[in-house]
PDB file of N, CA and C in Angstrom:
ATOM      1  N   MET A   1     -64.232 -36.428  -8.269  1.00  0.00           N
ATOM      2  CA  MET A   1     -62.835 -36.519  -8.630  1.00  0.00           C
ATOM      3  C   MET A   1     -62.092 -35.322  -8.059  1.00  0.00           C
ATOM      4  N   ALA A   2     -61.021 -35.565  -7.422  1.00  0.00           N
ATOM      5  CA  ALA A   2     -60.240 -34.491  -6.811  1.00  0.00           C
ATOM      6  C   ALA A   2     -59.507 -33.711  -7.888  1.00  0.00           C
ATOM      7  N   GLY A   3     -59.178 -32.473  -7.573  1.00  0.00           N
ATOM      8  CA  GLY A   3     -58.435 -31.627  -8.493  1.00  0.00           C
ATOM      9  C   GLY A   3     -56.983 -32.047  -8.575  1.00  0.00           C
ATOM     10  N   PRO A   4     -56.237 -31.389  -9.444  1.00  0.00           N
ATOM     11  CA  PRO A   4     -54.817 -31.741  -9.590  1.00  0.00           C
ATOM     12  C   PRO A   4     -54.067 -31.464  -8.288  1.00  0.00           C
ATOM     13  N   THR A   5     -53.120 -32.292  -8.015  1.00  0.00           N
ATOM     14  CA  THR A   5     -52.331 -32.111  -6.794  1.00  0.00           C
ATOM     15  C   THR A   5     -51.031 -31.421  -7.123  1.00  0.00           C
ATOM     16  N   GLN A   6     -50.552 -30.669  -6.172  1.00  0.00           N
ATOM     17  CA  GLN A   6     -49.271 -29.997  -6.310  1.00  0.00           C
ATOM     18  C   GLN A   6     -48.192 -30.920  -5.783  1.00  0.00           C
ATOM     19  N   PRO A   7     -47.049 -30.954  -6.451  1.00  0.00           N
ATOM     20  CA  PRO A   7     -45.977 -31.788  -5.910  1.00  0.00           C
ATOM     21  C   PRO A   7     -45.521 -31.236  -4.565  1.00  0.00           C
ATOM     22  N   GLN A   8     -45.233 -32.142  -3.655  1.00  0.00           N
ATOM     23  CA  GLN A   8     -44.774 -31.728  -2.335  1.00  0.00           C
ATOM     24  C   GLN A   8     -43.308 -31.335  -2.426  1.00  0.00           C
ATOM     25  N   VAL A   9     -43.000 -30.175  -1.889  1.00  0.00           N
ATOM     26  CA  VAL A   9     -41.627 -29.701  -1.878  1.00  0.00           C
ATOM     27  C   VAL A   9     -41.037 -30.027  -0.513  1.00  0.00           C
ATOM     28  N   THR A  10     -39.981 -30.803  -0.506  1.00  0.00           N
ATOM     29  CA  THR A  10     -39.400 -31.214   0.765  1.00  0.00           C
ATOM     30  C   THR A  10     -37.981 -30.714   0.969  1.00  0.00           C
ATOM     31  N   ASP A  11     -37.331 -30.269  -0.089  1.00  0.00           N
ATOM     32  CA  ASP A  11     -35.944 -29.827   0.017  1.00  0.00           C
ATOM     33  C   ASP A  11     -35.790 -28.368  -0.388  1.00  0.00           C
ATOM     34  N   GLU A  12     -36.721 -27.532   0.047  1.00  0.00           N
ATOM     35  CA  GLU A  12     -36.631 -26.119  -0.265  1.00  0.00           C
ATOM     36  C   GLU A  12     -35.363 -25.532   0.324  1.00  0.00           C
ATOM     37  N   VAL A  13     -34.821 -24.552  -0.371  1.00  0.00           N
ATOM     38  CA  VAL A  13     -33.654 -23.847   0.138  1.00  0.00           C
ATOM     39  C   VAL A  13     -34.130 -22.634   0.915  1.00  0.00           C
ATOM     40  N   TRP A  14     -33.705 -22.542   2.159  1.00  0.00           N
ATOM     41  CA  TRP A  14     -34.052 -21.424   3.012  1.00  0.00           C
ATOM     42  C   TRP A  14     -32.782 -20.630   3.279  1.00  0.00           C
ATOM     43  N   ASP A  15     -32.519 -19.640   2.423  1.00  0.00           N
ATOM     44  CA  ASP A  15     -31.342 -18.816   2.650  1.00  0.00           C
ATOM     45  C   ASP A  15     -31.646 -17.816   3.769  1.00  0.00           C
ATOM     46  N   ASP A  16     -30.612 -17.099   4.201  1.00  0.00           N
ATOM     47  CA  ASP A  16     -30.783 -16.174   5.325  1.00  0.00           C
ATOM     48  C   ASP A  16     -31.844 -15.114   5.050  1.00  0.00           C
ATOM     49  N   ASP A  17     -31.929 -14.627   3.815  1.00  0.00           N
ATOM     50  CA  ASP A  17     -32.935 -13.603   3.507  1.00  0.00           C
ATOM     51  C   ASP A  17     -34.346 -14.139   3.689  1.00  0.00           C
ATOM     52  N   ARG A  18     -34.564 -15.364   3.266  1.00  0.00           N
ATOM     53  CA  ARG A  18     -35.904 -15.942   3.442  1.00  0.00           C
ATOM     54  C   ARG A  18     -36.204 -16.152   4.917  1.00  0.00           C
ATOM     55  N   VAL A  19     -35.250 -16.651   5.669  1.00  0.00           N
ATOM     56  CA  VAL A  19     -35.449 -16.855   7.101  1.00  0.00           C
ATOM     57  C   VAL A  19     -35.729 -15.519   7.787  1.00  0.00           C
ATOM     58  N   LYS A  20     -34.949 -14.502   7.457  1.00  0.00           N
ATOM     59  CA  LYS A  20     -35.120 -13.179   8.070  1.00  0.00           C
ATOM     60  C   LYS A  20     -36.439 -12.523   7.676  1.00  0.00           C
ATOM     61  N   SER A  21     -37.001 -12.911   6.535  1.00  0.00           N
ATOM     62  CA  SER A  21     -38.248 -12.280   6.080  1.00  0.00           C
ATOM     63  C   SER A  21     -39.384 -12.461   7.087  1.00  0.00           C
ATOM     64  N   PHE A  22     -39.310 -13.481   7.911  1.00  0.00           N
ATOM     65  CA  PHE A  22     -40.340 -13.694   8.929  1.00  0.00           C
ATOM     66  C   PHE A  22     -40.318 -12.578   9.976  1.00  0.00           C
ATOM     67  N   LEU A  23     -39.199 -11.905  10.142  1.00  0.00           N
ATOM     68  CA  LEU A  23     -39.119 -10.798  11.102  1.00  0.00           C
ATOM     69  C   LEU A  23     -40.000  -9.624  10.689  1.00  0.00           C
ATOM     70  N   ASP A  24     -40.368  -9.562   9.409  1.00  0.00           N
ATOM     71  CA  ASP A  24     -41.179  -8.454   8.900  1.00  0.00           C
ATOM     72  C   ASP A  24     -42.676  -8.738   8.945  1.00  0.00           C
ATOM     73  N   MET A  25     -43.064  -9.906   9.430  1.00  0.00           N
ATOM     74  CA  MET A  25     -44.490 -10.243   9.467  1.00  0.00           C
ATOM     75  C   MET A  25     -45.221  -9.344  10.461  1.00  0.00           C
ATOM     76  N   GLN A  26     -46.390  -8.919  10.054  1.00  0.00           N
ATOM     77  CA  GLN A  26     -47.216  -8.060  10.891  1.00  0.00           C
ATOM     78  C   GLN A  26     -48.304  -8.878  11.557  1.00  0.00           C
ATOM     79  N   SER A  27     -48.554  -8.585  12.813  1.00  0.00           N
ATOM     80  CA  SER A  27     -49.585  -9.312  13.544  1.00  0.00           C
ATOM     81  C   SER A  27     -50.973  -8.842  13.125  1.00  0.00           C
ATOM     82  N   TYR A  28     -51.953  -9.663  13.426  1.00  0.00           N
ATOM     83  CA  TYR A  28     -53.343  -9.348  13.124  1.00  0.00           C
ATOM     84  C   TYR A  28     -53.966  -8.655  14.328  1.00  0.00           C
ATOM     85  N   GLY A  29     -54.700  -7.596  14.097  1.00  0.00           N
ATOM     86  CA  GLY A  29     -55.396  -6.912  15.178  1.00  0.00           C
ATOM     87  C   GLY A  29     -54.456  -6.512  16.293  1.00  0.00           C
ATOM     88  N   ASP A  30     -54.779  -6.935  17.504  1.00  0.00           N
ATOM     89  CA  ASP A  30     -53.958  -6.552  18.649  1.00  0.00           C
ATOM     90  C   ASP A  30     -53.101  -7.712  19.171  1.00  0.00           C
ATOM     91  N   ALA A  31     -52.840  -8.697  18.310  1.00  0.00           N
ATOM     92  CA  ALA A  31     -51.976  -9.815  18.713  1.00  0.00           C
ATOM     93  C   ALA A  31     -50.561  -9.284  18.949  1.00  0.00           C
ATOM     94  N   PRO A  32     -49.905  -9.726  19.997  1.00  0.00           N
ATOM     95  CA  PRO A  32     -48.542  -9.277  20.272  1.00  0.00           C
ATOM     96  C   PRO A  32     -47.603  -9.620  19.111  1.00  0.00           C
ATOM     97  N   GLN A  33     -46.872  -8.617  18.637  1.00  0.00           N
ATOM     98  CA  GLN A  33     -46.041  -8.747  17.443  1.00  0.00           C
ATOM     99  C   GLN A  33     -44.990  -9.850  17.565  1.00  0.00           C
ATOM    100  N   ALA A  34     -44.204  -9.854  18.634  1.00  0.00           N
ATOM    101  CA  ALA A  34     -43.124 -10.830  18.757  1.00  0.00           C
ATOM    102  C   ALA A  34     -43.683 -12.255  18.798  1.00  0.00           C
ATOM    103  N   PHE A  35     -44.781 -12.453  19.506  1.00  0.00           N
ATOM    104  CA  PHE A  35     -45.391 -13.788  19.558  1.00  0.00           C
ATOM    105  C   PHE A  35     -45.872 -14.204  18.179  1.00  0.00           C
ATOM    106  N   HIS A  36     -46.502 -13.290  17.467  1.00  0.00           N
ATOM    107  CA  HIS A  36     -47.012 -13.586  16.132  1.00  0.00           C
ATOM    108  C   HIS A  36     -45.866 -14.032  15.210  1.00  0.00           C
ATOM    109  N   ILE A  37     -44.752 -13.338  15.270  1.00  0.00           N
ATOM    110  CA  ILE A  37     -43.592 -13.685  14.439  1.00  0.00           C
ATOM    111  C   ILE A  37     -43.109 -15.095  14.788  1.00  0.00           C
ATOM    112  N   LEU A  38     -42.980 -15.386  16.074  1.00  0.00           N
ATOM    113  CA  LEU A  38     -42.541 -16.713  16.498  1.00  0.00           C
ATOM    114  C   LEU A  38     -43.492 -17.805  16.005  1.00  0.00           C
ATOM    115  N   LEU A  39     -44.773 -17.575  16.154  1.00  0.00           N
ATOM    116  CA  LEU A  39     -45.768 -18.560  15.757  1.00  0.00           C
ATOM    117  C   LEU A  39     -45.694 -18.832  14.252  1.00  0.00           C
ATOM    118  N   LYS A  40     -45.600 -17.776  13.469  1.00  0.00           N
ATOM    119  CA  LYS A  40     -45.510 -17.941  12.014  1.00  0.00           C
ATOM    120  C   LYS A  40     -44.238 -18.684  11.629  1.00  0.00           C
ATOM    121  N   ALA A  41     -43.134 -18.365  12.286  1.00  0.00           N
ATOM    122  CA  ALA A  41     -41.879 -19.054  11.984  1.00  0.00           C
ATOM    123  C   ALA A  41     -41.983 -20.530  12.357  1.00  0.00           C
ATOM    124  N   TYR A  42     -42.559 -20.822  13.496  1.00  0.00           N
ATOM    125  CA  TYR A  42     -42.757 -22.211  13.922  1.00  0.00           C
ATOM    126  C   TYR A  42     -43.596 -22.979  12.905  1.00  0.00           C
ATOM    127  N   ARG A  43     -44.657 -22.360  12.459  1.00  0.00           N
ATOM    128  CA  ARG A  43     -45.555 -23.028  11.517  1.00  0.00           C
ATOM    129  C   ARG A  43     -44.936 -23.187  10.133  1.00  0.00           C
ATOM    130  N   GLY A  44     -44.005 -22.309   9.787  1.00  0.00           N
ATOM    131  CA  GLY A  44     -43.490 -22.308   8.423  1.00  0.00           C
ATOM    132  C   GLY A  44     -42.107 -22.892   8.222  1.00  0.00           C
ATOM    133  N   MET A  45     -41.403 -23.192   9.290  1.00  0.00           N
ATOM    134  CA  MET A  45     -40.010 -23.615   9.144  1.00  0.00           C
ATOM    135  C   MET A  45     -39.773 -25.009   9.709  1.00  0.00           C
ATOM    136  N   ARG A  46     -38.724 -25.605   9.195  1.00  0.00           N
ATOM    137  CA  ARG A  46     -38.207 -26.839   9.768  1.00  0.00           C
ATOM    138  C   ARG A  46     -37.326 -26.457  10.955  1.00  0.00           C
ATOM    139  N   PRO A  47     -37.090 -27.377  11.878  1.00  0.00           N
ATOM    140  CA  PRO A  47     -36.287 -27.034  13.060  1.00  0.00           C
ATOM    141  C   PRO A  47     -34.919 -26.427  12.750  1.00  0.00           C
ATOM    142  N   ALA A  48     -34.222 -26.910  11.746  1.00  0.00           N
ATOM    143  CA  ALA A  48     -32.894 -26.360  11.423  1.00  0.00           C
ATOM    144  C   ALA A  48     -32.994 -24.911  10.959  1.00  0.00           C
ATOM    145  N   ASP A  49     -34.014 -24.594  10.172  1.00  0.00           N
ATOM    146  CA  ASP A  49     -34.210 -23.217   9.718  1.00  0.00           C
ATOM    147  C   ASP A  49     -34.662 -22.343  10.880  1.00  0.00           C
ATOM    148  N   PHE A  50     -35.508 -22.911  11.739  1.00  0.00           N
ATOM    149  CA  PHE A  50     -35.990 -22.181  12.909  1.00  0.00           C
ATOM    150  C   PHE A  50     -34.836 -21.835  13.849  1.00  0.00           C
ATOM    151  N   LYS A  51     -33.872 -22.720  13.943  1.00  0.00           N
ATOM    152  CA  LYS A  51     -32.701 -22.450  14.781  1.00  0.00           C
ATOM    153  C   LYS A  51     -31.962 -21.220  14.269  1.00  0.00           C
ATOM    154  N   ARG A  52     -31.769 -21.122  12.968  1.00  0.00           N
ATOM    155  CA  ARG A  52     -31.124 -19.934  12.386  1.00  0.00           C
ATOM    156  C   ARG A  52     -31.995 -18.699  12.602  1.00  0.00           C
ATOM    157  N   PHE A  53     -33.299 -18.869  12.432  1.00  0.00           N
ATOM    158  CA  PHE A  53     -34.228 -17.759  12.630  1.00  0.00           C
ATOM    159  C   PHE A  53     -34.136 -17.201  14.044  1.00  0.00           C
ATOM    160  N   MET A  54     -34.068 -18.074  15.034  1.00  0.00           N
ATOM    161  CA  MET A  54     -34.057 -17.620  16.418  1.00  0.00           C
ATOM    162  C   MET A  54     -32.859 -16.714  16.707  1.00  0.00           C
ATOM    163  N   THR A  55     -31.731 -16.963  16.086  1.00  0.00           N
ATOM    164  CA  THR A  55     -30.573 -16.078  16.251  1.00  0.00           C
ATOM    165  C   THR A  55     -30.910 -14.686  15.725  1.00  0.00           C
ATOM    166  N   PHE A  56     -31.509 -14.624  14.548  1.00  0.00           N
ATOM    167  CA  PHE A  56     -31.899 -13.334  13.971  1.00  0.00           C
ATOM    168  C   PHE A  56     -32.974 -12.660  14.824  1.00  0.00           C
ATOM    169  N   PHE A  57     -33.903 -13.433  15.331  1.00  0.00           N
ATOM    170  CA  PHE A  57     -35.007 -12.935  16.139  1.00  0.00           C
ATOM    171  C   PHE A  57     -34.480 -12.258  17.405  1.00  0.00           C
ATOM    172  N   VAL A  58     -33.592 -12.931  18.107  1.00  0.00           N
ATOM    173  CA  VAL A  58     -33.021 -12.383  19.342  1.00  0.00           C
ATOM    174  C   VAL A  58     -32.115 -11.191  19.027  1.00  0.00           C
ATOM    175  N   ASP A  59     -31.323 -11.294  17.962  1.00  0.00           N
ATOM    176  CA  ASP A  59     -30.449 -10.183  17.570  1.00  0.00           C
ATOM    177  C   ASP A  59     -31.245  -8.925  17.217  1.00  0.00           C
ATOM    178  N   ALA A  60     -32.484  -9.117  16.758  1.00  0.00           N
ATOM    179  CA  ALA A  60     -33.354  -7.984  16.418  1.00  0.00           C
ATOM    180  C   ALA A  60     -34.019  -7.394  17.660  1.00  0.00           C
ATOM    181  N   GLY A  61     -33.722  -7.960  18.841  1.00  0.00           N
ATOM    182  CA  GLY A  61     -34.251  -7.414  20.085  1.00  0.00           C
ATOM    183  C   GLY A  61     -35.573  -7.998  20.536  1.00  0.00           C
ATOM    184  N   HIS A  62     -36.004  -9.090  19.900  1.00  0.00           N
ATOM    185  CA  HIS A  62     -37.272  -9.711  20.282  1.00  0.00           C
ATOM    186  C   HIS A  62     -37.064 -10.695  21.429  1.00  0.00           C
ATOM    187  N   ASN A  63     -38.094 -10.850  22.223  1.00  0.00           N
ATOM    188  CA  ASN A  63     -38.082 -11.743  23.374  1.00  0.00           C
ATOM    189  C   ASN A  63     -38.494 -13.150  22.942  1.00  0.00           C
ATOM    190  N   PRO A  64     -37.619 -14.153  23.095  1.00  0.00           N
ATOM    191  CA  PRO A  64     -37.999 -15.510  22.705  1.00  0.00           C
ATOM    192  C   PRO A  64     -39.116 -16.097  23.572  1.00  0.00           C
ATOM    193  N   ASP A  65     -39.398 -15.461  24.694  1.00  0.00           N
ATOM    194  CA  ASP A  65     -40.475 -15.912  25.566  1.00  0.00           C
ATOM    195  C   ASP A  65     -41.686 -14.983  25.500  1.00  0.00           C
ATOM    196  N   ALA A  66     -41.857 -14.340  24.346  1.00  0.00           N
ATOM    197  CA  ALA A  66     -43.023 -13.480  24.139  1.00  0.00           C
ATOM    198  C   ALA A  66     -44.293 -14.304  24.316  1.00  0.00           C
ATOM    199  N   THR A  67     -45.358 -13.649  24.751  1.00  0.00           N
ATOM    200  CA  THR A  67     -46.608 -14.352  25.019  1.00  0.00           C
ATOM    201  C   THR A  67     -47.730 -13.882  24.100  1.00  0.00           C
ATOM    202  N   ASP A  68     -48.727 -14.744  23.972  1.00  0.00           N
ATOM    203  CA  ASP A  68     -49.931 -14.374  23.238  1.00  0.00           C
ATOM    204  C   ASP A  68     -50.832 -13.551  24.156  1.00  0.00           C
ATOM    205  N   LYS A  69     -52.011 -13.203  23.687  1.00  0.00           N
ATOM    206  CA  LYS A  69     -52.919 -12.385  24.501  1.00  0.00           C
ATOM    207  C   LYS A  69     -53.370 -13.095  25.769  1.00  0.00           C
ATOM    208  N   ALA A  70     -53.285 -14.411  25.783  1.00  0.00           N
ATOM    209  CA  ALA A  70     -53.685 -15.185  26.962  1.00  0.00           C
ATOM    210  C   ALA A  70     -52.512 -15.406  27.923  1.00  0.00           C
ATOM    211  N   GLY A  71     -51.346 -14.873  27.589  1.00  0.00           N
ATOM    212  CA  GLY A  71     -50.187 -15.004  28.461  1.00  0.00           C
ATOM    213  C   GLY A  71     -49.398 -16.289  28.278  1.00  0.00           C
ATOM    214  N   ARG A  72     -49.637 -17.009  27.193  1.00  0.00           N
ATOM    215  CA  ARG A  72     -48.931 -18.267  26.932  1.00  0.00           C
ATOM    216  C   ARG A  72     -47.756 -18.034  25.990  1.00  0.00           C
ATOM    217  N   THR A  73     -46.639 -18.689  26.271  1.00  0.00           N
ATOM    218  CA  THR A  73     -45.515 -18.645  25.339  1.00  0.00           C
ATOM    219  C   THR A  73     -45.744 -19.673  24.236  1.00  0.00           C
ATOM    220  N   LEU A  74     -45.017 -19.514  23.158  1.00  0.00           N
ATOM    221  CA  LEU A  74     -45.083 -20.503  22.090  1.00  0.00           C
ATOM    222  C   LEU A  74     -44.700 -21.879  22.623  1.00  0.00           C
ATOM    223  N   TRP A  75     -43.729 -21.898  23.490  1.00  0.00           N
ATOM    224  CA  TRP A  75     -43.194 -23.162  24.025  1.00  0.00           C
ATOM    225  C   TRP A  75     -44.243 -23.903  24.842  1.00  0.00           C
ATOM    226  N   GLU A  76     -45.058 -23.171  25.576  1.00  0.00           N
ATOM    227  CA  GLU A  76     -46.148 -23.799  26.326  1.00  0.00           C
ATOM    228  C   GLU A  76     -47.191 -24.380  25.377  1.00  0.00           C
ATOM    229  N   ILE A  77     -47.457 -23.685  24.313  1.00  0.00           N
ATOM    230  CA  ILE A  77     -48.482 -24.119  23.363  1.00  0.00           C
ATOM    231  C   ILE A  77     -48.049 -25.366  22.611  1.00  0.00           C
ATOM    232  N   ILE A  78     -46.786 -25.434  22.226  1.00  0.00           N
ATOM    233  CA  ILE A  78     -46.349 -26.537  21.363  1.00  0.00           C
ATOM    234  C   ILE A  78     -45.775 -27.731  22.115  1.00  0.00           C
ATOM    235  N   GLN A  79     -45.762 -27.685  23.429  1.00  0.00           N
ATOM    236  CA  GLN A  79     -45.131 -28.770  24.181  1.00  0.00           C
ATOM    237  C   GLN A  79     -45.740 -30.141  23.907  1.00  0.00           C
ATOM    238  N   ASN A  80     -46.974 -30.199  23.478  1.00  0.00           N
ATOM    239  CA  ASN A  80     -47.608 -31.486  23.170  1.00  0.00           C
ATOM    240  C   ASN A  80     -47.766 -31.737  21.675  1.00  0.00           C
ATOM    241  N   HIS A  81     -47.197 -30.860  20.848  1.00  0.00           N
ATOM    242  CA  HIS A  81     -47.239 -31.080  19.405  1.00  0.00           C
ATOM    243  C   HIS A  81     -46.249 -32.180  19.039  1.00  0.00           C
ATOM    244  N   ARG A  82     -46.548 -32.888  17.985  1.00  0.00           N
ATOM    245  CA  ARG A  82     -45.705 -34.007  17.553  1.00  0.00           C
ATOM    246  C   ARG A  82     -44.264 -33.566  17.309  1.00  0.00           C
ATOM    247  N   GLN A  83     -44.057 -32.427  16.669  1.00  0.00           N
ATOM    248  CA  GLN A  83     -42.716 -31.929  16.386  1.00  0.00           C
ATOM    249  C   GLN A  83     -42.280 -30.829  17.356  1.00  0.00           C
ATOM    250  N   GLY A  84     -43.100 -30.531  18.335  1.00  0.00           N
ATOM    251  CA  GLY A  84     -42.825 -29.432  19.254  1.00  0.00           C
ATOM    252  C   GLY A  84     -41.510 -29.550  19.994  1.00  0.00           C
ATOM    253  N   ALA A  85     -41.142 -30.745  20.385  1.00  0.00           N
ATOM    254  CA  ALA A  85     -39.918 -30.934  21.174  1.00  0.00           C
ATOM    255  C   ALA A  85     -38.682 -30.447  20.430  1.00  0.00           C
ATOM    256  N   ASP A  86     -38.646 -30.632  19.110  1.00  0.00           N
ATOM    257  CA  ASP A  86     -37.499 -30.168  18.325  1.00  0.00           C
ATOM    258  C   ASP A  86     -37.360 -28.653  18.397  1.00  0.00           C
ATOM    259  N   PHE A  87     -38.489 -27.949  18.381  1.00  0.00           N
ATOM    260  CA  PHE A  87     -38.472 -26.495  18.429  1.00  0.00           C
ATOM    261  C   PHE A  87     -38.181 -25.994  19.843  1.00  0.00           C
ATOM    262  N   ILE A  88     -38.693 -26.676  20.823  1.00  0.00           N
ATOM    263  CA  ILE A  88     -38.417 -26.311  22.211  1.00  0.00           C
ATOM    264  C   ILE A  88     -36.929 -26.497  22.511  1.00  0.00           C
ATOM    265  N   GLN A  89     -36.336 -27.518  21.948  1.00  0.00           N
ATOM    266  CA  GLN A  89     -34.897 -27.731  22.105  1.00  0.00           C
ATOM    267  C   GLN A  89     -34.101 -26.557  21.530  1.00  0.00           C
ATOM    268  N   VAL A  90     -34.546 -26.041  20.399  1.00  0.00           N
ATOM    269  CA  VAL A  90     -33.907 -24.855  19.806  1.00  0.00           C
ATOM    270  C   VAL A  90     -33.977 -23.702  20.798  1.00  0.00           C
ATOM    271  N   ARG A  91     -35.142 -23.497  21.405  1.00  0.00           N
ATOM    272  CA  ARG A  91     -35.308 -22.419  22.395  1.00  0.00           C
ATOM    273  C   ARG A  91     -34.367 -22.622  23.565  1.00  0.00           C
ATOM    274  N   ASN A  92     -34.289 -23.818  24.052  1.00  0.00           N
ATOM    275  CA  ASN A  92     -33.462 -24.093  25.229  1.00  0.00           C
ATOM    276  C   ASN A  92     -31.973 -23.907  24.957  1.00  0.00           C
ATOM    277  N   GLN A  93     -31.575 -24.012  23.725  1.00  0.00           N
ATOM    278  CA  GLN A  93     -30.163 -23.821  23.361  1.00  0.00           C
ATOM    279  C   GLN A  93     -29.778 -22.349  23.302  1.00  0.00           C
ATOM    280  N   LEU A  94     -30.736 -21.456  23.342  1.00  0.00           N
ATOM    281  CA  LEU A  94     -30.440 -20.014  23.278  1.00  0.00           C
ATOM    282  C   LEU A  94     -29.732 -19.511  24.526  1.00  0.00           C
ATOM    283  N   ALA A  95     -30.113 -20.017  25.663  1.00  0.00           N
ATOM    284  CA  ALA A  95     -29.595 -19.509  26.925  1.00  0.00           C
ATOM    285  C   ALA A  95     -28.208 -19.957  27.149  1.00  0.00           C
TER     286      ALA A  95
END
């Protein structure tokens, strides 16, 4: 028998402080900081929240094309993800 399930939250409120809190995330080991922040934001946000985040990210002086240790951008990694196109569109709107 499975344990109790948690109700799925689908309409969470993401105010600016919560969105900006991702800028304070610390990378693990020697992972590039800016890439780590982008990856965590991608994994944790909906596209609309990510769009707001990207403004804060760039305003904080971070490179939206930061790479991982293998030299890949987030955009290269997520191009084949089911929801990746929505996030890549956010990136493309920055320029």
